[in-house]
Amino acid sequence: MVKSVNDKELALIKRLIDRMEHLSADSTYAHIASGLRGSLLRYAEVLEMGESISREERAQLDQLVGYGFEILELAAKEVGGSK
C-alpha cells in the first residue's frame, strides 16, 4: 500500500526545511539539522513530482518531521538561554 501527503503537509515540510536552513552556524544543532534537511529535501522532491511513497517511507518521513521540530525547539532554547 502506498501513501502520499496532501498540500498542507508538503507546505509544512518545506517550511520546516526553510527554518532549519536558517539556523545559526554557531548553533550546536546546525550540523544535525543539515543532514536532516537533506533527507527531507529528497522526500519533498519526490512528493512534488506527484510520486507516492510506501507506508514505511511515510512512517520515516513522519519521524523525520517530528525530529526536525525537536531540533528547532532545542536550537531556539539554545539561542534564548532557556532550559
N, C-alpha and C. Protein backbone atom coordinates (compact mmCIF):
# COMPACT_ATOMS: atom_id res chain seq x y z
N MET A 1 0.84 -1.18 0.00
CA MET A 1 0.00 0.00 0.00
C MET A 1 0.89 1.25 0.00
N VAL A 2 0.53 2.23 -0.78
CA VAL A 2 1.31 3.46 -0.86
C VAL A 2 0.55 4.60 -0.20
N LYS A 3 1.29 5.51 0.33
CA LYS A 3 0.73 6.68 0.99
C LYS A 3 1.34 7.91 0.36
N SER A 4 0.65 9.00 0.46
CA SER A 4 1.18 10.26 -0.02
C SER A 4 0.87 11.33 1.01
N VAL A 5 1.23 12.55 0.72
CA VAL A 5 0.93 13.66 1.61
C VAL A 5 0.06 14.66 0.87
N ASN A 6 -0.70 15.43 1.62
CA ASN A 6 -1.51 16.46 0.97
C ASN A 6 -0.71 17.75 0.87
N ASP A 7 -1.31 18.75 0.24
CA ASP A 7 -0.61 20.02 0.00
C ASP A 7 -0.20 20.71 1.30
N LYS A 8 -1.03 20.63 2.32
CA LYS A 8 -0.70 21.27 3.60
C LYS A 8 0.50 20.59 4.25
N GLU A 9 0.53 19.28 4.17
CA GLU A 9 1.67 18.55 4.75
C GLU A 9 2.96 18.87 4.00
N LEU A 10 2.88 18.95 2.69
CA LEU A 10 4.06 19.28 1.89
C LEU A 10 4.53 20.70 2.21
N ALA A 11 3.59 21.63 2.38
CA ALA A 11 3.95 23.00 2.74
C ALA A 11 4.63 23.04 4.11
N LEU A 12 4.16 22.22 5.03
CA LEU A 12 4.76 22.15 6.36
C LEU A 12 6.19 21.62 6.26
N ILE A 13 6.39 20.59 5.46
CA ILE A 13 7.73 20.03 5.27
C ILE A 13 8.66 21.09 4.70
N LYS A 14 8.19 21.83 3.71
CA LYS A 14 9.02 22.88 3.10
C LYS A 14 9.35 23.98 4.10
N ARG A 15 8.38 24.34 4.93
CA ARG A 15 8.61 25.37 5.94
C ARG A 15 9.64 24.89 6.96
N LEU A 16 9.53 23.63 7.34
CA LEU A 16 10.48 23.04 8.28
C LEU A 16 11.89 23.06 7.69
N ILE A 17 12.01 22.69 6.43
CA ILE A 17 13.30 22.72 5.74
C ILE A 17 13.87 24.13 5.77
N ASP A 18 13.03 25.11 5.46
CA ASP A 18 13.47 26.51 5.44
C ASP A 18 13.93 26.97 6.82
N ARG A 19 13.18 26.62 7.83
CA ARG A 19 13.53 27.04 9.20
C ARG A 19 14.87 26.43 9.63
N MET A 20 15.08 25.17 9.29
CA MET A 20 16.35 24.53 9.66
C MET A 20 17.52 25.13 8.88
N GLU A 21 17.25 25.56 7.67
CA GLU A 21 18.31 26.17 6.86
C GLU A 21 18.79 27.47 7.47
N HIS A 22 17.92 28.13 8.21
CA HIS A 22 18.26 29.43 8.78
C HIS A 22 18.82 29.35 10.20
N LEU A 23 19.11 28.16 10.68
CA LEU A 23 19.75 28.05 11.99
C LEU A 23 21.15 28.63 11.91
N SER A 24 21.54 29.31 12.94
CA SER A 24 22.87 29.90 13.00
C SER A 24 23.93 28.81 12.90
N ALA A 25 24.99 29.11 12.17
CA ALA A 25 26.10 28.16 12.05
C ALA A 25 26.75 27.92 13.41
N ASP A 26 26.55 28.84 14.34
CA ASP A 26 27.10 28.70 15.69
C ASP A 26 26.28 27.74 16.55
N SER A 27 25.09 27.40 16.07
CA SER A 27 24.21 26.52 16.84
C SER A 27 24.78 25.11 16.92
N THR A 28 24.65 24.53 18.07
CA THR A 28 25.06 23.14 18.28
C THR A 28 24.28 22.22 17.34
N TYR A 29 23.10 22.64 16.98
CA TYR A 29 22.19 21.79 16.21
C TYR A 29 22.25 22.01 14.70
N ALA A 30 23.05 22.97 14.24
CA ALA A 30 23.10 23.29 12.81
C ALA A 30 23.58 22.10 11.98
N HIS A 31 24.58 21.40 12.44
CA HIS A 31 25.12 20.26 11.68
C HIS A 31 24.09 19.13 11.60
N ILE A 32 23.43 18.84 12.69
CA ILE A 32 22.39 17.81 12.71
C ILE A 32 21.27 18.21 11.77
N ALA A 33 20.88 19.48 11.84
CA ALA A 33 19.79 19.98 11.01
C ALA A 33 20.14 19.89 9.53
N SER A 34 21.41 20.06 9.19
CA SER A 34 21.84 19.99 7.80
C SER A 34 21.57 18.62 7.20
N GLY A 35 21.93 17.58 7.91
CA GLY A 35 21.69 16.22 7.43
C GLY A 35 20.21 15.90 7.35
N LEU A 36 19.49 16.33 8.35
CA LEU A 36 18.05 16.11 8.38
C LEU A 36 17.36 16.86 7.23
N ARG A 37 17.82 18.07 6.98
CA ARG A 37 17.28 18.87 5.87
C ARG A 37 17.48 18.14 4.54
N GLY A 38 18.64 17.54 4.36
CA GLY A 38 18.91 16.80 3.13
C GLY A 38 17.93 15.66 2.93
N SER A 39 17.65 14.94 3.99
CA SER A 39 16.69 13.84 3.91
C SER A 39 15.29 14.35 3.58
N LEU A 40 14.90 15.43 4.24
CA LEU A 40 13.57 16.00 3.98
C LEU A 40 13.47 16.57 2.56
N LEU A 41 14.56 17.15 2.08
CA LEU A 41 14.56 17.68 0.71
C LEU A 41 14.34 16.57 -0.32
N ARG A 42 14.95 15.42 -0.09
CA ARG A 42 14.76 14.29 -1.01
C ARG A 42 13.29 13.86 -1.03
N TYR A 43 12.69 13.77 0.13
CA TYR A 43 11.27 13.42 0.19
C TYR A 43 10.41 14.50 -0.50
N ALA A 44 10.72 15.76 -0.23
CA ALA A 44 9.94 16.86 -0.82
C ALA A 44 10.00 16.82 -2.34
N GLU A 45 11.17 16.54 -2.89
CA GLU A 45 11.31 16.46 -4.35
C GLU A 45 10.45 15.35 -4.93
N VAL A 46 10.46 14.20 -4.29
CA VAL A 46 9.66 13.07 -4.75
C VAL A 46 8.18 13.42 -4.69
N LEU A 47 7.77 14.01 -3.59
CA LEU A 47 6.36 14.34 -3.41
C LEU A 47 5.89 15.45 -4.34
N GLU A 48 6.77 16.41 -4.61
CA GLU A 48 6.42 17.49 -5.53
C GLU A 48 6.20 16.97 -6.95
N MET A 49 6.87 15.88 -7.29
CA MET A 49 6.69 15.29 -8.62
C MET A 49 5.42 14.47 -8.69
N GLY A 50 4.70 14.39 -7.56
CA GLY A 50 3.45 13.66 -7.54
C GLY A 50 3.59 12.17 -7.32
N GLU A 51 4.78 11.75 -6.97
CA GLU A 51 5.01 10.32 -6.73
C GLU A 51 4.52 9.93 -5.34
N SER A 52 4.07 8.71 -5.22
CA SER A 52 3.65 8.18 -3.94
C SER A 52 4.84 7.55 -3.23
N ILE A 53 4.70 7.43 -1.94
CA ILE A 53 5.74 6.77 -1.15
C ILE A 53 5.11 5.59 -0.41
N SER A 54 5.95 4.65 -0.05
CA SER A 54 5.45 3.45 0.64
C SER A 54 5.04 3.80 2.07
N ARG A 55 4.36 2.89 2.68
CA ARG A 55 3.94 3.06 4.07
C ARG A 55 5.17 3.25 4.97
N GLU A 56 6.21 2.48 4.71
CA GLU A 56 7.43 2.58 5.50
C GLU A 56 8.11 3.94 5.30
N GLU A 57 8.12 4.40 4.05
CA GLU A 57 8.70 5.71 3.76
C GLU A 57 7.89 6.82 4.43
N ARG A 58 6.58 6.67 4.43
CA ARG A 58 5.72 7.66 5.07
C ARG A 58 5.99 7.69 6.57
N ALA A 59 6.16 6.53 7.18
CA ALA A 59 6.47 6.47 8.60
C ALA A 59 7.81 7.14 8.88
N GLN A 60 8.79 6.90 8.00
CA GLN A 60 10.10 7.52 8.17
C GLN A 60 9.99 9.04 7.99
N LEU A 61 9.22 9.48 7.02
CA LEU A 61 9.02 10.92 6.80
C LEU A 61 8.40 11.56 8.03
N ASP A 62 7.38 10.94 8.57
CA ASP A 62 6.73 11.47 9.79
C ASP A 62 7.73 11.56 10.93
N GLN A 63 8.59 10.56 11.05
CA GLN A 63 9.60 10.57 12.10
C GLN A 63 10.61 11.70 11.88
N LEU A 64 11.02 11.90 10.63
CA LEU A 64 11.96 12.98 10.31
C LEU A 64 11.36 14.35 10.60
N VAL A 65 10.09 14.53 10.27
CA VAL A 65 9.42 15.80 10.54
C VAL A 65 9.38 16.05 12.05
N GLY A 66 9.01 15.04 12.80
CA GLY A 66 8.98 15.18 14.26
C GLY A 66 10.35 15.53 14.82
N TYR A 67 11.37 14.87 14.31
CA TYR A 67 12.73 15.13 14.74
C TYR A 67 13.15 16.55 14.35
N GLY A 68 12.73 17.00 13.18
CA GLY A 68 13.04 18.36 12.73
C GLY A 68 12.48 19.40 13.68
N PHE A 69 11.24 19.22 14.11
CA PHE A 69 10.65 20.16 15.05
C PHE A 69 11.35 20.11 16.40
N GLU A 70 11.79 18.93 16.79
CA GLU A 70 12.54 18.80 18.04
C GLU A 70 13.85 19.56 17.96
N ILE A 71 14.54 19.45 16.84
CA ILE A 71 15.81 20.17 16.63
C ILE A 71 15.57 21.68 16.68
N LEU A 72 14.52 22.15 16.03
CA LEU A 72 14.22 23.58 16.05
C LEU A 72 13.93 24.06 17.46
N GLU A 73 13.19 23.27 18.21
CA GLU A 73 12.87 23.65 19.58
C GLU A 73 14.13 23.73 20.43
N LEU A 74 15.01 22.75 20.29
CA LEU A 74 16.25 22.75 21.05
C LEU A 74 17.15 23.92 20.65
N ALA A 75 17.20 24.22 19.37
CA ALA A 75 18.00 25.34 18.88
C ALA A 75 17.45 26.66 19.41
N ALA A 76 16.13 26.78 19.45
CA ALA A 76 15.52 28.00 19.97
C ALA A 76 15.81 28.16 21.45
N LYS A 77 15.79 27.09 22.19
CA LYS A 77 16.12 27.15 23.61
C LYS A 77 17.58 27.55 23.81
N GLU A 78 18.43 27.03 22.93
CA GLU A 78 19.86 27.35 22.99
C GLU A 78 20.07 28.85 22.77
N VAL A 79 19.39 29.41 21.80
CA VAL A 79 19.53 30.84 21.48
C VAL A 79 18.94 31.69 22.59
N GLY A 80 17.78 31.24 23.10
CA GLY A 80 17.09 32.01 24.13
C GLY A 80 17.65 31.80 25.52
N GLY A 81 18.51 30.82 25.70
CA GLY A 81 19.08 30.56 27.00
C GLY A 81 18.13 29.83 27.92
N SER A 82 17.03 29.28 27.38
CA SER A 82 16.06 28.57 28.21
C SER A 82 16.58 27.19 28.54
N LYS A 83 16.02 26.61 29.58
CA LYS A 83 16.40 25.24 29.95
C LYS A 83 15.20 24.35 29.94
